[in-house]
Protein backbone atom coordinates (compact mmCIF):
# COMPACT_ATOMS: atom_id res chain seq x y z
CA MET A 1 65.74 66.05 97.29
CA ALA A 2 62.01 66.61 97.51
CA THR A 3 61.36 67.54 93.81
CA LEU A 4 63.15 64.37 92.87
CA GLY A 5 61.27 62.29 95.27
CA LEU A 6 57.94 63.57 93.92
CA ASP A 7 58.91 63.06 90.40
CA ARG A 8 59.98 59.79 91.08
CA ALA A 9 56.90 58.85 93.20
CA SER A 10 54.70 59.89 90.27
CA LEU A 11 56.48 57.83 87.88
CA SER A 12 56.77 54.92 90.18
CA ASN A 13 53.06 54.97 90.69
CA LEU A 14 52.73 54.93 86.97
CA LEU A 15 54.99 51.96 86.15
CA THR A 16 53.20 50.08 88.88
CA THR A 17 49.85 50.55 87.49
CA LEU A 18 51.40 49.42 84.26
CA THR A 19 52.74 46.56 85.74
CA ALA A 20 49.79 45.18 87.36
CA ARG A 21 47.85 45.62 84.43
CA GLY A 22 50.37 43.89 82.00
CA ARG A 23 50.43 41.17 84.83
CA SER A 24 46.65 40.85 84.73
CA LEU A 25 46.86 40.46 80.59
CA LEU A 26 49.56 38.09 80.62
CA GLY A 27 48.29 35.93 83.35
CA LEU A 28 51.53 36.50 85.49
CA SER A 29 51.81 35.88 89.30
CA ASN A 30 52.77 38.75 91.60
CA GLY A 31 55.28 36.95 93.60
CA ALA A 32 59.05 36.92 92.27
CA ARG A 33 60.60 33.67 91.87
CA ALA A 34 64.14 32.34 90.76
CA MET A 35 64.16 31.52 87.26
CA SER A 36 66.52 29.28 85.20
CA GLN A 37 68.76 30.39 82.34
CA ALA A 38 66.09 28.98 79.88
CA GLU A 39 63.37 30.77 81.52
CA LEU A 40 65.21 34.04 81.32
CA ILE A 41 66.37 33.69 77.85
CA GLY A 42 62.70 32.79 76.74
CA LEU A 43 61.25 35.73 78.65
CA SER A 44 63.79 37.96 77.14
CA GLU A 45 62.51 36.57 73.63
CA THR A 46 58.85 37.36 74.37
CA LEU A 47 59.88 40.94 75.99
CA LEU A 48 61.39 41.76 72.62
CA SER A 49 58.64 40.56 70.52
CA ARG A 50 55.73 42.41 72.33
CA ARG A 51 54.55 46.08 71.45
CA GLY A 52 52.17 46.63 74.17
CA GLU A 53 53.16 49.14 76.83
CA ALA A 54 51.51 47.71 79.94
CA THR A 55 52.68 43.90 78.97
CA GLY A 56 56.19 45.21 78.18
CA VAL A 57 56.49 46.81 81.70
CA ALA A 58 55.12 43.48 83.39
CA LEU A 59 57.64 41.47 81.47
CA ALA A 60 60.45 43.54 82.24
CA ASN A 61 59.66 43.57 85.87
CA THR A 62 59.10 39.76 85.93
CA LEU A 63 62.58 39.17 83.97
CA LEU A 64 64.34 41.40 86.46
CA ALA A 65 62.79 39.97 89.34
CA GLY A 66 63.49 36.33 88.35
CA TYR A 67 67.01 37.11 87.39
CA SER A 68 67.60 38.75 90.97
CA ALA A 69 66.18 35.44 92.74
CA ALA A 70 68.23 33.26 90.25
CA SER A 71 71.34 31.31 91.06
CA GLU A 72 74.72 32.92 90.54
CA ALA A 73 75.27 30.31 87.77
CA ASP A 74 71.93 30.81 86.33
CA GLN A 75 72.61 34.82 86.39
CA LEU A 76 75.82 33.92 84.73
CA ALA A 77 74.43 31.80 82.25
CA PHE A 78 72.08 34.38 81.21
CA LEU A 79 74.76 37.11 80.82
CA ASN A 80 76.60 34.86 78.70
CA ALA A 81 73.43 34.23 76.69
CA LEU A 82 73.14 37.93 76.20
CA ALA A 83 76.62 37.78 74.28
CA ASP A 84 75.92 34.51 72.33
CA LEU A 85 72.01 34.93 71.43
CA PHE A 86 71.31 38.63 71.44
CA GLY A 87 73.95 40.08 68.91
CA PRO A 88 72.61 41.71 65.77
CA ASP A 89 70.01 40.03 63.62
CA MET A 90 72.80 38.53 60.88
CA GLU A 91 70.02 37.88 58.36
CA GLU A 92 68.81 41.79 58.49
CA LEU A 93 72.33 43.01 58.86
CA ASN A 94 73.42 40.98 55.77
CA ALA A 95 70.47 42.62 53.82
CA ALA A 96 71.19 45.95 55.02
CA LEU A 97 75.11 45.80 54.21
CA ALA A 98 73.93 44.59 50.57
CA ALA A 99 71.49 47.35 50.18
CA VAL A 100 74.43 49.79 50.99
CA ARG A 101 76.87 48.03 48.46
CA ASP A 102 73.84 48.54 45.85
CA ASN A 103 72.91 51.98 46.72
CA GLY A 104 76.20 53.52 47.48
CA THR A 105 75.84 56.27 50.43
CA SER A 106 72.02 56.33 50.14
CA PRO A 107 70.91 57.97 53.76
CA ASP A 108 67.92 55.29 53.89
CA ALA A 109 70.35 52.61 53.19
CA VAL A 110 72.86 53.72 55.63
CA SER A 111 70.03 54.37 58.33
CA LYS A 112 68.98 50.72 57.79
CA LEU A 113 72.53 49.47 58.11
CA LEU A 114 73.19 51.08 61.34
CA LYS A 115 69.97 49.94 62.79
CA ALA A 116 70.57 46.36 61.80
CA ALA A 117 74.17 46.59 63.33
CA GLU A 118 72.64 47.35 66.80
CA PRO A 119 72.89 44.13 69.14
CA ARG A 120 69.47 43.02 69.91
CA ARG A 121 70.63 43.21 73.84
CA GLN A 122 70.52 46.92 73.31
CA GLU A 123 66.75 47.16 72.76
CA LEU A 124 66.22 44.34 75.59
CA ILE A 125 68.33 46.43 77.91
CA ARG A 126 66.14 49.50 77.13
CA ARG A 127 62.83 47.61 77.67
CA LEU A 128 64.28 46.22 81.19
CA ASN A 129 64.80 49.66 81.92
CA LEU A 130 61.23 50.55 81.69
CA ALA A 131 60.36 48.47 84.88
CA PRO A 132 60.00 49.97 88.44
CA GLY A 133 63.44 50.24 89.82
CA GLY A 134 64.77 48.93 86.51
CA THR A 135 67.56 51.32 86.23
CA ALA A 136 69.14 50.29 89.56
CA SER A 137 68.51 46.69 88.50
CA LEU A 138 70.80 47.22 85.38
CA VAL A 139 73.42 48.81 87.46
CA ARG A 140 73.79 45.75 89.52
CA MET A 141 73.28 43.50 86.76
CA ARG A 142 76.42 45.21 85.13
CA GLU A 143 78.32 45.12 88.56
CA ALA A 144 77.78 41.27 88.38
CA LEU A 145 78.99 41.38 84.94
CA LEU A 146 82.14 42.98 85.54
CA ALA A 147 83.01 40.46 88.31
CA HIS A 148 82.78 37.72 85.65
CA ILE A 149 84.44 39.43 82.62
CA LYS A 150 87.87 38.42 83.30
CA ASP A 151 87.16 34.67 83.01
CA HIS A 152 84.45 35.23 80.24
CA PRO A 153 85.87 37.52 77.51
CA ALA A 154 82.64 37.21 75.27
CA LEU A 155 81.16 39.64 78.00
CA LYS A 156 83.03 42.45 76.91
CA HIS A 157 80.69 42.80 74.10
CA VAL A 158 77.61 42.93 76.58
CA ASP A 159 79.53 45.34 78.57
CA SER A 160 80.11 47.57 75.71
CA ASP A 161 76.30 47.90 75.25
CA PHE A 162 75.84 48.52 78.91
CA VAL A 163 78.51 51.50 78.70
CA HIS A 164 76.93 52.89 75.34
CA LEU A 165 73.47 53.08 77.06
CA PHE A 166 74.67 54.36 80.51
CA ALA A 167 76.51 56.89 78.85
CA SER A 168 73.37 58.42 77.71
CA TRP A 169 71.18 57.52 80.71
CA PHE A 170 73.53 59.06 83.21
CA ASN A 171 75.00 62.10 81.04
CA ARG A 172 75.42 65.29 82.88
CA GLY A 173 72.08 66.62 81.78
CA PHE A 174 70.39 63.94 84.26
CA LEU A 175 72.66 64.58 87.14
CA VAL A 176 71.50 66.73 89.94
CA LEU A 177 74.12 68.14 92.36
CA GLN A 178 72.96 68.30 96.14
CA ARG A 179 74.83 69.41 99.00
CA ILE A 180 74.76 66.67 101.71
CA ASP A 181 75.15 67.83 105.23
CA TRP A 182 74.06 66.76 108.84
CA THR A 183 70.39 67.30 107.90
CA THR A 184 70.34 64.96 105.04
CA PRO A 185 68.17 61.85 105.46
CA ALA A 186 69.67 59.26 107.49
CA ASN A 187 69.58 56.50 104.72
CA ILE A 188 71.80 58.69 102.35
CA LEU A 189 74.28 59.55 105.40
CA GLU A 190 74.75 55.69 106.06
CA LYS A 191 75.48 55.19 102.45
CA ILE A 192 78.17 57.90 102.71
CA ILE A 193 79.78 56.04 105.38
CA ARG A 194 79.72 52.75 103.57
CA TYR A 195 80.69 54.08 100.20
CA GLU A 196 83.78 56.28 101.37
CA GLN A 197 86.83 54.97 99.59
CA VAL A 198 89.81 57.22 100.50
CA HIS A 199 89.61 58.11 104.14
CA ALA A 200 87.24 55.69 106.08
CA ILE A 201 84.55 57.03 108.09
CA SER A 202 85.02 55.19 111.43
CA ASN A 203 81.38 56.01 112.98
CA TRP A 204 78.79 58.63 113.18
CA ASP A 205 80.96 60.99 115.14
CA ASP A 206 83.57 60.97 112.18
CA LEU A 207 80.79 61.47 109.74
CA ARG A 208 79.27 64.80 111.83
CA SER A 209 82.94 65.99 111.86
CA ARG A 210 82.97 66.09 108.11
CA LEU A 211 79.47 67.37 107.60
CA ALA A 212 78.40 69.53 110.27
CA PRO A 213 80.93 72.23 110.87
CA SER A 214 81.05 75.69 109.25
CA ASP A 215 84.15 74.80 107.36
CA ARG A 216 82.95 71.56 105.96
CA ARG A 217 80.95 70.50 102.85
CA CYS A 218 80.10 67.72 100.92
CA TYR A 219 78.46 67.46 97.70
CA GLY A 220 76.94 64.54 95.53
CA PHE A 221 75.48 63.84 92.11
CA PHE A 222 72.11 62.13 92.13
CA HIS A 223 70.10 60.51 89.40
CA PRO A 224 66.36 60.83 89.19
CA GLN A 225 65.98 57.04 88.99
CA LEU A 226 68.52 56.48 92.07
CA VAL A 227 67.14 59.27 94.10
CA ASP A 228 68.63 57.70 97.38
CA GLU A 229 71.97 56.76 95.93
CA PRO A 230 74.53 59.29 95.61
CA LEU A 231 76.66 58.30 92.14
CA ILE A 232 79.69 60.22 93.50
CA PHE A 233 80.53 62.63 96.01
CA VAL A 234 83.41 64.73 97.11
CA GLU A 235 84.34 66.13 100.53
CA VAL A 236 85.66 69.52 100.97
CA ALA A 237 87.58 71.44 103.92
CA LEU A 238 87.51 75.13 104.04
CA THR A 239 90.95 76.43 105.23
CA ARG A 240 93.32 79.44 105.31
CA GLU A 241 96.04 77.35 103.17
CA SER A 242 96.79 74.32 101.14
CA PRO A 243 97.27 71.30 103.58
CA ALA A 244 100.10 69.38 103.54
CA ALA A 245 98.74 66.30 105.58
CA ILE A 246 95.23 64.56 106.02
CA ALA A 247 95.28 64.08 109.75
CA PRO A 248 94.67 67.57 110.71
CA LEU A 249 91.77 67.80 108.34
CA LEU A 250 90.10 64.63 109.93
CA ASP A 251 90.92 65.37 113.50
CA LEU A 252 87.81 65.06 115.68
CA THR A 253 89.25 67.64 118.20
CA ARG A 254 90.21 70.35 115.90
CA ALA A 255 88.61 73.88 115.99
CA PRO A 256 86.53 74.81 113.08
CA ILE A 257 86.92 78.08 111.46
CA ALA A 258 84.06 80.44 110.16
CA ALA A 259 83.41 79.95 106.34
CA SER A 260 83.91 83.63 105.78
CA ASP A 261 87.58 83.20 107.03
CA ALA A 262 88.41 80.40 104.68
CA THR A 263 90.46 81.29 101.56
CA THR A 264 90.99 77.69 100.12
CA ALA A 265 88.49 74.93 99.33
CA VAL A 266 90.30 71.59 99.56
CA PHE A 267 88.89 68.64 97.85
CA TYR A 268 90.23 65.82 100.09
CA SER A 269 87.98 62.65 99.26
CA ILE A 270 86.15 61.91 95.99
CA SER A 271 84.35 58.48 96.06
CA ASN A 272 82.35 56.70 93.34
CA THR A 273 79.85 54.61 94.72
CA GLN A 274 78.35 52.38 92.22
CA LYS A 275 80.39 49.67 90.77
CA GLY A 276 78.11 48.99 88.08
CA LEU A 277 78.65 52.41 86.54
CA GLY A 278 82.36 51.92 86.32
CA GLY A 279 83.84 53.69 83.29
CA ILE A 280 81.02 56.41 83.35
CA SER A 281 82.97 59.72 84.11
CA PHE A 282 81.04 62.04 86.70
CA GLY A 283 84.05 63.29 88.80
CA ASN A 284 85.10 66.12 86.25
CA PHE A 285 81.69 67.64 86.05
CA LEU A 286 81.39 67.38 89.82
CA ILE A 287 84.46 69.35 90.71
CA LYS A 288 83.70 71.91 88.15
CA GLN A 289 80.12 72.61 89.46
CA VAL A 290 81.45 72.35 93.29
CA VAL A 291 83.88 75.09 92.42
CA GLU A 292 81.20 77.41 90.85
CA ASP A 293 78.84 76.77 94.01
CA ILE A 294 81.54 77.53 96.39
CA LYS A 295 82.41 80.72 94.42
CA ARG A 296 79.16 82.02 94.47
CA GLU A 297 78.43 80.99 98.43
CA LEU A 298 81.81 82.05 99.52
CA PRO A 299 83.48 84.85 97.43
CA ASN A 300 86.31 85.02 99.90
CA VAL A 301 87.60 81.31 98.71
CA GLN A 302 89.88 81.85 95.84
CA THR A 303 92.10 78.75 96.00
CA PHE A 304 90.85 75.40 94.84
CA VAL A 305 93.23 72.50 95.49
CA THR A 306 93.11 68.85 96.44
CA LEU A 307 95.05 66.73 98.86
CA SER A 308 94.98 63.29 97.12
CA PRO A 309 96.39 60.11 97.60
CA VAL A 310 99.02 58.25 95.41
CA PRO A 311 97.73 54.59 95.31
CA GLY A 312 100.29 53.54 92.61
CA PHE A 313 103.53 55.19 94.14
CA ALA A 314 104.89 52.20 96.49
CA ALA A 315 104.11 49.74 93.80
CA TRP A 316 106.17 51.48 91.24
CA LEU A 317 108.97 51.99 93.54
CA LYS A 318 109.02 48.39 94.62
CA ARG A 319 109.37 47.50 90.92
CA GLU A 320 112.13 50.05 90.37
CA ARG A 321 114.21 48.81 93.82
CA ALA A 322 113.75 45.19 92.17
CA ALA A 323 115.38 46.11 88.91
CA GLU A 324 118.83 45.69 89.40
CA ASN A 325 119.80 48.15 86.40
CA SER A 326 117.16 50.80 87.24
CA PRO A 327 118.61 54.30 86.10
CA LEU A 328 116.69 56.05 88.81
CA LEU A 329 118.42 54.32 91.80
CA ASP A 330 122.13 54.81 92.38
CA ALA A 331 123.79 52.86 95.46
CA PRO A 332 123.35 55.86 98.13
CA THR A 333 119.61 56.06 96.93
CA ARG A 334 119.19 52.20 97.44
CA ALA A 335 120.88 52.53 100.86
CA ALA A 336 118.53 55.06 102.23
CA LEU A 337 115.44 53.65 100.76
CA ALA A 338 116.14 50.32 102.38
CA ALA A 339 114.65 51.98 105.37
CA LEU A 340 111.34 51.52 103.63
CA ASP A 341 111.35 47.96 104.52
CA THR A 342 111.58 48.48 108.24
CA PRO A 343 108.33 49.03 110.09
CA GLY A 344 108.25 52.40 112.03
CA TRP A 345 110.70 53.96 109.86
CA ALA A 346 108.88 57.19 109.61
CA ASP A 347 109.08 57.66 113.55
CA ASP A 348 112.78 58.08 113.40
CA PRO A 349 113.38 61.77 112.16
CA ASP A 350 116.97 61.26 110.97
CA ILE A 351 115.89 58.31 108.94
CA ALA A 352 112.79 59.83 107.84
CA GLU A 353 114.82 63.00 106.57
CA GLN A 354 117.17 60.70 104.65
CA VAL A 355 114.25 58.78 103.03
CA LYS A 356 112.61 62.19 102.05
CA ALA A 357 115.80 63.42 100.30
CA GLU A 358 115.93 60.61 97.85
CA LEU A 359 111.87 59.70 97.73
CA LEU A 360 110.72 62.92 96.77
CA PRO A 361 112.82 63.54 93.44
CA LEU A 362 111.65 60.02 92.70
CA ALA A 363 108.02 60.97 93.18
CA SER A 364 108.46 63.75 90.82
CA TYR A 365 109.91 61.64 88.29
CA TYR A 366 106.72 59.16 88.65
CA PHE A 367 104.41 62.05 88.15
CA ILE A 368 106.13 63.79 85.32
CA GLU A 369 108.32 61.34 83.48
CA ALA A 370 106.74 57.58 83.93
CA LYS A 371 104.17 56.62 81.54
CA GLY A 372 102.21 53.36 80.87
CA SER A 373 101.55 51.87 77.69
CA ARG A 374 99.35 54.54 76.32
CA GLY A 375 101.76 57.23 77.31
CA HIS A 376 99.51 58.34 80.48
CA PRO A 377 100.62 58.94 83.79
CA LEU A 378 100.71 55.76 85.67
CA ASP A 379 98.92 57.03 88.74
CA PRO A 380 95.03 56.90 88.40
CA VAL A 381 94.50 59.74 90.69
CA ALA A 382 96.88 61.83 88.58
CA ARG A 383 95.35 60.82 85.24
CA PHE A 384 91.97 62.04 86.79
CA HIS A 385 92.95 65.42 87.97
CA LEU A 386 95.53 66.25 85.22
CA GLY A 387 92.71 65.32 82.52
CA ASN A 388 90.29 67.82 84.24
CA GLY A 389 93.10 70.46 83.86
CA ALA A 390 94.56 70.41 87.34
CA GLN A 391 98.03 71.36 87.91
CA LEU A 392 100.45 69.04 89.95
CA GLU A 393 101.35 71.65 92.58
CA ARG A 394 102.91 70.16 95.52
CA LEU A 395 104.39 66.90 97.03
CA ASN A 396 103.60 66.24 100.53
CA PHE A 397 106.11 63.81 102.37
CA LEU A 398 104.24 61.57 105.11
CA GLY A 399 101.17 63.58 104.39
CA ASP A 400 99.21 60.43 105.06
CA ARG A 401 100.48 58.35 108.06
CA SER A 402 97.52 55.81 108.10
CA GLU A 403 98.21 52.12 107.47
CA LYS A 404 96.65 52.55 104.36
CA GLY A 405 98.65 55.50 103.23
CA MET A 406 101.61 54.10 104.34
CA GLN A 407 101.22 50.95 102.19
CA GLN A 408 100.24 52.31 99.11
CA SER A 409 102.60 55.67 98.80
CA HIS A 410 104.87 55.44 101.91
CA GLY A 411 102.72 58.26 103.18
CA LEU A 412 103.42 60.42 100.27
CA MET A 413 99.98 62.76 99.31
CA VAL A 414 99.89 65.32 96.41
CA ASN A 415 98.19 68.77 95.98
CA TYR A 416 96.40 69.37 92.68
CA LEU A 417 95.98 72.85 92.02
CA TYR A 418 92.67 74.03 90.13
CA ALA A 419 93.47 77.27 88.78
CA LEU A 420 90.36 78.60 87.36
CA ASP A 421 92.04 80.69 84.51
CA LYS A 422 94.47 77.72 83.46
CA ILE A 423 92.10 74.92 83.49
CA GLU A 424 91.26 74.84 80.08
CA ALA A 425 94.25 75.47 78.73
CA ASN A 426 95.86 72.59 81.05
CA HIS A 427 93.24 70.29 79.92
CA GLU A 428 93.86 70.90 76.30
CA ALA A 429 97.59 70.52 76.52
CA TYR A 430 97.17 67.12 78.49
CA ALA A 431 94.48 65.90 75.91
CA GLU A 432 96.19 66.81 72.94
CA LYS A 433 99.95 66.53 73.60
CA GLY A 434 100.26 64.57 76.99
CA GLN A 435 101.79 67.43 78.40
CA ILE A 436 101.48 67.53 82.38
CA ALA A 437 100.92 70.79 84.03
CA SER A 438 103.10 71.07 87.17
CA SER A 439 104.75 73.58 89.38
CA SER A 440 108.36 74.78 89.22
CA ALA A 441 108.78 73.62 92.78
CA VAL A 442 108.00 70.00 91.78
CA ARG A 443 109.93 70.16 88.48
CA LYS A 444 113.01 71.24 89.95
CA ILE A 445 113.30 68.29 92.03
CA LEU A 446 113.31 65.86 89.30
CA PRO A 447 116.51 63.51 89.26
CA VAL A 448 118.39 65.11 86.46
CA HIS A 449 121.43 62.50 86.53
CA ALA A 450 118.83 59.66 86.54
CA LEU A 451 116.98 61.30 83.73
CA MET A 452 120.00 61.78 81.67
CA GLU A 453 121.11 58.18 82.01
CA ALA A 454 117.75 56.96 81.30
CA SER A 455 117.60 58.78 78.07
CA ALA A 456 120.81 57.50 77.10
CA SER A 457 119.78 54.07 77.42
CA VAL A 458 116.90 54.35 75.12
């Protein structure tokens, strides 16, 4: 972290100096003030027209500060203006198209066409990124854009440009893996508490139990321009076996084991932290690098698994139960699953056993056979891990008895196995053919009769 901090400090000092000089040259005030949409648009045009480095940095800084202080309505109007007014220069684009038609596949003509086809807002975003703190400001700007995109479809074009640029700025080559532990600066630890998305961290004691013991690890990716902001982090438990439930891993009173006694590394929580970077993939790189780091530190650890939530299962099962002609549910199955509508059903061992007998085969079908419109598994966590080359290893009934776990999956959790000698083959089979790597234990409980009936009805 120290090296990143020094590099960032040097860059920050340089940009601050350029900003001050640019403000002086342009006669801009030092104080930030809210700007109207017209002012933001005008300043954007000015920024695109300038060639001076100092004035460019100053203008970018002023524009971002004015946008940040602007009303939500003016911010939205500016985002819409990016879609309407900062697309490609149509005169230049038409001329480039004509040149390609006249000159065929001339490399110069094609190059000019590609340049002309680029929306002006891409260059504007690049120049805004030069301002001190510009990267963070642009990530927040895209977060705001995503909140409006459903009601303003034209913003999809602006979003595509953000994604195009962010994919380059946040590629793996710029990311730094850091271990996060109890000695990590408090401002970052506070963000770990705030950003945890899978299993909420209730207080500092809870956080300490996930970071300080010898059998716990946490790693995050950082970017040089967001040095105090983890982009994504993963929490790891070192154990002697693959766990079937989350509660023992999070138990504050548990007795830690020595890291040297562990045989298994369990990825039990992965959290993306920046909504403005949605759609930019970090997790696949993170897991694979953490595996390498743990193997290097602890050669005794040979098994790498997840203990994962199943956020889409309860909603899918609800839809199947509501469908009168679902081929997956016969009368006995429906009768057993009716218990799911009764609060506290899992506390009765007999009822829980009846539910388990019907629910696990349906869960197997949900993961292996149920597909979305693009032919991918319905569950987002499944898509992530299977796409990374993991294998669906085990279904864990009532693995998460928390309120959130019961609501989203009726308590179901899953182990995905990262078998190091099979990751690449699994990934290729999934990416090229849609094949889902799964254990025989999961496949053998598929509801065969329901599969046959479903197949016959197609």
